[in-house]
Amino acid sequence: MVSDDVRRELQRLARSKDTRTNKFDPRRPTHWAPYEVRKPGSGDTFTAESAWEFVADLLDGGVEIKTIELDKPPGKTGYVIKVEGFGGDQIYIKLQLGSGMVIGRSFHASKYEDKR
């Protein structure tokens, strides 16, 4: 379980376009694919913006967050959220904190085999 401070920081950073990124970097690979994920309730696909809003809303709503040790970069902490998606699918979200930013490492259907 993460501290309230970490949760608030993730939520605050996820709300602002200036403090979030999902840009691929080989040192910290990403699979941020909201356009492949259907929204719970409507079945519409997420946009880049609506995916971040969804993440921030989940964080604000108290969703369970698990921590993992990342392989890339070694020793860093990842924050994992798994929630029910559309039609019984599961949405897998992985975040990382770094230098005043939240890094979107994963946003995809859980059928995708995630690589740390």
Protein backbone atom coordinates (compact mmCIF):
# COMPACT_ATOMS: atom_id res chain seq x y z
CA MET A 1 0.00 0.00 0.00
CA VAL A 2 1.29 3.48 -0.82
CA SER A 3 1.32 6.42 1.53
CA ASP A 4 -1.27 9.17 1.28
CA ASP A 5 1.54 11.54 0.27
CA VAL A 6 2.53 9.37 -2.71
CA ARG A 7 -1.12 8.99 -3.75
CA ARG A 8 -1.66 12.76 -3.61
CA GLU A 9 1.53 13.40 -5.57
CA LEU A 10 0.58 10.93 -8.30
CA GLN A 11 -2.91 12.41 -8.50
CA ARG A 12 -1.66 16.04 -8.58
CA LEU A 13 0.91 15.33 -11.28
CA ALA A 14 -1.53 13.26 -13.38
CA ARG A 15 -4.02 16.17 -13.49
CA SER A 16 -1.65 18.57 -15.26
CA LYS A 17 -0.44 18.31 -18.85
CA ASP A 18 2.80 19.95 -17.72
CA THR A 19 3.68 17.29 -15.14
CA ARG A 20 2.84 14.02 -16.89
CA THR A 21 4.41 12.08 -19.72
CA ASN A 22 4.20 8.71 -21.38
CA LYS A 23 7.00 9.29 -23.86
CA PHE A 24 8.91 6.12 -24.71
CA ASP A 25 12.51 5.91 -23.60
CA PRO A 26 14.51 2.67 -23.93
CA ARG A 27 15.78 3.20 -20.36
CA ARG A 28 12.17 3.21 -19.14
CA PRO A 29 9.99 1.63 -21.83
CA THR A 30 6.28 2.35 -22.00
CA HIS A 31 3.18 0.71 -23.39
CA TRP A 32 0.71 3.58 -23.11
CA ALA A 33 -2.11 2.63 -25.47
CA PRO A 34 -5.37 4.27 -24.35
CA TYR A 35 -6.75 4.16 -27.89
CA GLU A 36 -6.76 0.33 -27.59
CA VAL A 37 -8.67 0.32 -24.28
CA ARG A 38 -12.44 0.66 -23.97
CA LYS A 39 -13.89 2.82 -21.21
CA PRO A 40 -15.86 1.10 -18.48
CA GLY A 41 -19.55 1.82 -18.93
CA SER A 42 -19.60 3.22 -22.46
CA GLY A 43 -17.22 0.96 -24.40
CA ASP A 44 -15.76 3.99 -26.19
CA THR A 45 -11.99 4.01 -26.48
CA PHE A 46 -9.90 6.32 -24.35
CA THR A 47 -8.06 9.30 -25.76
CA ALA A 48 -4.68 10.43 -24.47
CA GLU A 49 -6.38 13.10 -22.38
CA SER A 50 -9.23 10.93 -21.07
CA ALA A 51 -6.77 8.21 -20.01
CA TRP A 52 -4.94 10.66 -17.76
CA GLU A 53 -8.24 11.99 -16.40
CA PHE A 54 -9.29 8.40 -15.67
CA VAL A 55 -6.02 7.74 -13.84
CA ALA A 56 -6.32 10.92 -11.77
CA ASP A 57 -9.96 10.14 -10.92
CA LEU A 58 -9.02 6.61 -9.84
CA LEU A 59 -6.26 7.96 -7.62
CA ASP A 60 -8.56 10.58 -6.15
CA GLY A 61 -11.21 7.92 -5.51
CA GLY A 62 -8.88 5.76 -3.43
CA VAL A 63 -8.18 2.93 -5.88
CA GLU A 64 -5.78 0.26 -4.62
CA ILE A 65 -2.19 0.92 -5.68
CA LYS A 66 0.48 -1.77 -5.47
CA THR A 67 4.18 -1.09 -5.66
CA ILE A 68 6.66 -3.08 -7.70
CA GLU A 69 10.39 -2.81 -8.26
CA LEU A 70 11.02 -1.92 -11.88
CA ASP A 71 13.54 -3.76 -14.05
CA LYS A 72 14.03 -0.64 -16.18
CA PRO A 73 15.35 1.47 -14.64
CA PRO A 74 16.68 -1.01 -12.10
CA GLY A 75 15.69 -0.42 -8.51
CA LYS A 76 13.07 2.25 -9.20
CA THR A 77 9.51 1.94 -7.89
CA GLY A 78 6.48 1.44 -10.09
CA TYR A 79 2.89 2.03 -8.97
CA VAL A 80 0.41 -0.47 -10.39
CA ILE A 81 -3.35 -0.09 -10.63
CA LYS A 82 -5.64 -2.79 -11.99
CA VAL A 83 -9.31 -1.95 -12.54
CA GLU A 84 -12.24 -3.51 -14.30
CA GLY A 85 -12.67 -2.30 -17.85
CA PHE A 86 -15.44 -2.74 -20.38
CA GLY A 87 -17.06 -6.14 -20.85
CA GLY A 88 -15.02 -7.86 -18.14
CA ASP A 89 -11.64 -6.72 -19.44
CA GLN A 90 -9.10 -5.47 -16.95
CA ILE A 91 -7.20 -2.20 -17.37
CA TYR A 92 -3.56 -2.33 -16.30
CA ILE A 93 -1.96 0.98 -15.36
CA LYS A 94 1.63 1.46 -14.23
CA LEU A 95 3.08 4.79 -13.15
CA GLN A 96 6.48 5.99 -12.05
CA LEU A 97 7.51 9.18 -10.25
CA GLY A 98 10.52 11.09 -11.49
CA SER A 99 11.84 14.66 -11.32
CA GLY A 100 8.54 16.39 -10.63
CA MET A 101 6.70 14.28 -13.22
CA VAL A 102 4.46 11.26 -13.27
CA ILE A 103 5.52 8.87 -16.00
CA GLY A 104 2.82 6.74 -17.58
CA ARG A 105 4.58 3.42 -18.12
CA SER A 106 1.54 1.25 -18.95
CA PHE A 107 -2.09 1.79 -19.86
CA HIS A 108 -3.53 -1.19 -21.67
CA ALA A 109 -5.79 -4.20 -21.46
CA SER A 110 -4.31 -6.73 -19.05
CA LYS A 111 -4.09 -9.36 -21.78
CA TYR A 112 -0.90 -7.63 -22.89
CA GLU A 113 2.13 -9.19 -21.21
CA ASP A 114 3.73 -6.31 -19.37
CA LYS A 115 7.51 -5.97 -19.33
CA ARG A 116 8.94 -4.02 -16.45
